């Protein structure tokens, strides 16, 4: 019988300094897609404009969180 080698154990690496800061209380912005458009939404009810650029929608979300 052939045995597969076991996978190495996973360890948790520290967060790099480039990680975004924790979101303010009550705010968690994400992006969603609607057809060919992408828009940013937040749990506080804020919605950004529909964008064709996913990167711009992510920037809208980051700007919202920074202003909160």
N, C-alpha and C. Protein backbone atom coordinates (compact mmCIF):
# COMPACT_ATOMS: atom_id res chain seq x y z
N UNK A 1 0.84 -1.17 0.00
CA UNK A 1 0.00 0.00 0.00
C UNK A 1 0.89 1.23 0.00
N UNK A 2 0.47 2.24 -0.72
CA UNK A 2 1.24 3.48 -0.87
C UNK A 2 0.67 4.54 0.06
N UNK A 3 1.52 5.16 0.86
CA UNK A 3 1.07 6.22 1.77
C UNK A 3 1.55 7.56 1.26
N UNK A 4 0.65 8.52 1.30
CA UNK A 4 0.99 9.88 0.90
C UNK A 4 1.77 10.54 2.05
N UNK A 5 2.79 11.33 1.73
CA UNK A 5 3.48 12.05 2.80
C UNK A 5 2.55 13.07 3.44
N UNK A 6 2.67 13.26 4.71
CA UNK A 6 1.80 14.20 5.40
C UNK A 6 2.19 15.63 5.05
N UNK A 7 1.22 16.48 5.02
CA UNK A 7 1.46 17.89 4.70
C UNK A 7 2.14 18.56 5.89
N UNK A 8 3.02 19.52 5.63
CA UNK A 8 3.66 20.22 6.74
C UNK A 8 2.62 21.00 7.55
N UNK A 9 2.87 21.14 8.82
CA UNK A 9 1.95 21.87 9.69
C UNK A 9 1.91 23.34 9.29
N UNK A 10 0.72 23.92 9.35
CA UNK A 10 0.57 25.35 9.02
C UNK A 10 0.81 26.17 10.27
N UNK A 11 1.52 27.22 10.09
CA UNK A 11 1.76 28.13 11.20
C UNK A 11 1.20 29.48 10.85
N UNK A 12 0.82 30.22 11.85
CA UNK A 12 0.28 31.56 11.63
C UNK A 12 1.42 32.56 11.57
N UNK A 13 1.50 33.25 10.47
CA UNK A 13 2.53 34.28 10.31
C UNK A 13 2.00 35.60 10.85
N UNK A 14 2.86 36.45 11.37
CA UNK A 14 2.39 37.76 11.84
C UNK A 14 1.90 38.59 10.65
N UNK A 15 0.97 39.49 10.90
CA UNK A 15 0.45 40.35 9.84
C UNK A 15 1.54 41.29 9.37
N UNK A 16 1.72 41.40 8.06
CA UNK A 16 2.70 42.37 7.55
C UNK A 16 2.21 43.79 7.81
N UNK A 17 3.12 44.72 7.81
CA UNK A 17 2.76 46.11 8.09
C UNK A 17 1.87 46.70 6.99
N UNK A 18 1.79 46.03 5.83
CA UNK A 18 0.96 46.54 4.74
C UNK A 18 -0.52 46.17 4.91
N UNK A 19 -0.87 45.37 5.94
CA UNK A 19 -2.26 45.01 6.18
C UNK A 19 -3.05 46.25 6.56
N UNK A 20 -4.30 46.34 6.11
CA UNK A 20 -5.10 47.49 6.49
C UNK A 20 -5.41 47.47 7.98
N UNK A 21 -5.65 48.64 8.52
CA UNK A 21 -5.99 48.77 9.94
C UNK A 21 -7.37 48.18 10.17
N UNK A 22 -7.68 47.78 11.39
CA UNK A 22 -9.02 47.27 11.68
C UNK A 22 -10.09 48.30 11.33
N UNK A 23 -11.25 47.81 10.93
CA UNK A 23 -12.32 48.72 10.53
C UNK A 23 -12.96 49.36 11.75
N UNK A 24 -13.45 50.60 11.60
CA UNK A 24 -14.13 51.25 12.72
C UNK A 24 -15.38 50.46 13.12
N UNK A 25 -15.79 50.60 14.36
CA UNK A 25 -16.97 49.87 14.85
C UNK A 25 -18.19 50.20 13.99
N UNK A 26 -18.91 49.18 13.58
CA UNK A 26 -20.11 49.38 12.79
C UNK A 26 -19.86 49.54 11.30
N UNK A 27 -18.63 49.46 10.86
CA UNK A 27 -18.32 49.62 9.44
C UNK A 27 -17.52 48.42 8.95
N UNK A 28 -18.01 47.80 7.89
CA UNK A 28 -17.30 46.72 7.23
C UNK A 28 -17.62 46.83 5.75
N UNK A 29 -16.75 47.47 5.01
CA UNK A 29 -17.00 47.72 3.59
C UNK A 29 -16.48 46.57 2.74
N UNK A 30 -17.28 46.17 1.78
CA UNK A 30 -16.91 45.13 0.82
C UNK A 30 -17.32 45.58 -0.57
N UNK A 31 -16.93 44.82 -1.57
CA UNK A 31 -17.36 45.13 -2.93
C UNK A 31 -18.25 44.00 -3.43
N UNK A 32 -19.23 44.35 -4.22
CA UNK A 32 -20.12 43.37 -4.84
C UNK A 32 -20.20 43.67 -6.32
N UNK A 33 -20.53 42.65 -7.10
CA UNK A 33 -20.63 42.82 -8.54
C UNK A 33 -22.07 42.71 -9.00
N UNK A 34 -22.41 43.57 -9.92
CA UNK A 34 -23.72 43.54 -10.58
C UNK A 34 -23.46 43.62 -12.07
N UNK A 35 -23.53 42.50 -12.72
CA UNK A 35 -23.24 42.46 -14.15
C UNK A 35 -21.79 42.86 -14.39
N UNK A 36 -21.58 43.86 -15.24
CA UNK A 36 -20.21 44.30 -15.52
C UNK A 36 -19.77 45.42 -14.59
N UNK A 37 -20.57 45.73 -13.58
CA UNK A 37 -20.23 46.80 -12.64
C UNK A 37 -19.88 46.23 -11.27
N UNK A 38 -19.09 46.98 -10.54
CA UNK A 38 -18.69 46.63 -9.18
C UNK A 38 -18.98 47.84 -8.31
N UNK A 39 -19.49 47.61 -7.11
CA UNK A 39 -19.75 48.73 -6.22
C UNK A 39 -19.38 48.36 -4.80
N UNK A 40 -19.04 49.38 -4.04
CA UNK A 40 -18.66 49.20 -2.64
C UNK A 40 -19.90 49.36 -1.78
N UNK A 41 -19.98 48.54 -0.73
CA UNK A 41 -21.09 48.61 0.22
C UNK A 41 -20.53 48.49 1.62
N UNK A 42 -21.22 49.11 2.58
CA UNK A 42 -20.80 49.05 3.97
C UNK A 42 -21.97 48.58 4.83
N UNK A 43 -21.65 47.97 5.95
CA UNK A 43 -22.69 47.50 6.87
C UNK A 43 -23.48 48.64 7.49
N UNK A 44 -22.96 49.88 7.42
CA UNK A 44 -23.68 51.03 7.97
C UNK A 44 -24.78 51.51 7.02
N UNK A 45 -24.85 50.95 5.81
CA UNK A 45 -25.87 51.35 4.85
C UNK A 45 -25.34 52.15 3.68
N UNK A 46 -24.10 52.61 3.76
CA UNK A 46 -23.49 53.40 2.68
C UNK A 46 -23.26 52.51 1.46
N UNK A 47 -23.50 53.06 0.28
CA UNK A 47 -23.22 52.38 -0.98
C UNK A 47 -22.51 53.34 -1.91
N UNK A 48 -21.41 52.90 -2.48
CA UNK A 48 -20.67 53.73 -3.42
C UNK A 48 -21.27 53.63 -4.81
N UNK A 49 -20.79 54.47 -5.73
CA UNK A 49 -21.29 54.42 -7.10
C UNK A 49 -20.83 53.15 -7.81
N UNK A 50 -21.62 52.72 -8.80
CA UNK A 50 -21.25 51.55 -9.60
C UNK A 50 -20.05 51.93 -10.47
N UNK A 51 -19.08 51.06 -10.49
CA UNK A 51 -17.84 51.30 -11.26
C UNK A 51 -17.56 50.11 -12.17
N UNK A 52 -16.96 50.37 -13.29
CA UNK A 52 -16.49 49.27 -14.14
C UNK A 52 -15.16 48.74 -13.62
N UNK A 53 -14.43 49.57 -12.90
CA UNK A 53 -13.13 49.20 -12.36
C UNK A 53 -13.29 48.65 -10.94
N UNK A 54 -12.94 47.38 -10.73
CA UNK A 54 -12.99 46.80 -9.38
C UNK A 54 -12.04 47.54 -8.45
N UNK A 55 -10.88 47.92 -8.98
CA UNK A 55 -9.90 48.63 -8.16
C UNK A 55 -10.47 49.96 -7.66
N UNK A 56 -11.19 50.67 -8.49
CA UNK A 56 -11.79 51.95 -8.08
C UNK A 56 -12.88 51.72 -7.03
N UNK A 57 -13.64 50.65 -7.15
CA UNK A 57 -14.66 50.33 -6.15
C UNK A 57 -14.00 50.01 -4.81
N UNK A 58 -12.87 49.29 -4.83
CA UNK A 58 -12.14 49.02 -3.58
C UNK A 58 -11.60 50.31 -2.98
N UNK A 59 -11.16 51.25 -3.84
CA UNK A 59 -10.69 52.55 -3.35
C UNK A 59 -11.83 53.32 -2.72
N UNK A 60 -13.02 53.27 -3.31
CA UNK A 60 -14.20 53.92 -2.73
C UNK A 60 -14.46 53.37 -1.33
N UNK A 61 -14.37 52.04 -1.16
CA UNK A 61 -14.60 51.42 0.14
C UNK A 61 -13.54 51.87 1.15
N UNK A 62 -12.29 51.91 0.74
CA UNK A 62 -11.21 52.33 1.63
C UNK A 62 -11.39 53.79 2.04
N UNK A 63 -11.79 54.63 1.11
CA UNK A 63 -12.01 56.05 1.43
C UNK A 63 -13.17 56.21 2.41
N UNK A 64 -14.22 55.40 2.26
CA UNK A 64 -15.35 55.44 3.18
C UNK A 64 -14.90 55.07 4.59
N UNK A 65 -14.13 54.00 4.69
CA UNK A 65 -13.66 53.55 6.00
C UNK A 65 -12.74 54.59 6.64
N UNK A 66 -11.91 55.25 5.83
CA UNK A 66 -11.00 56.26 6.36
C UNK A 66 -11.77 57.48 6.87
N UNK A 67 -12.89 57.80 6.21
CA UNK A 67 -13.68 58.98 6.60
C UNK A 67 -14.56 58.68 7.81
N UNK A 68 -14.76 57.42 8.12
CA UNK A 68 -15.65 57.04 9.23
C UNK A 68 -15.04 57.29 10.57
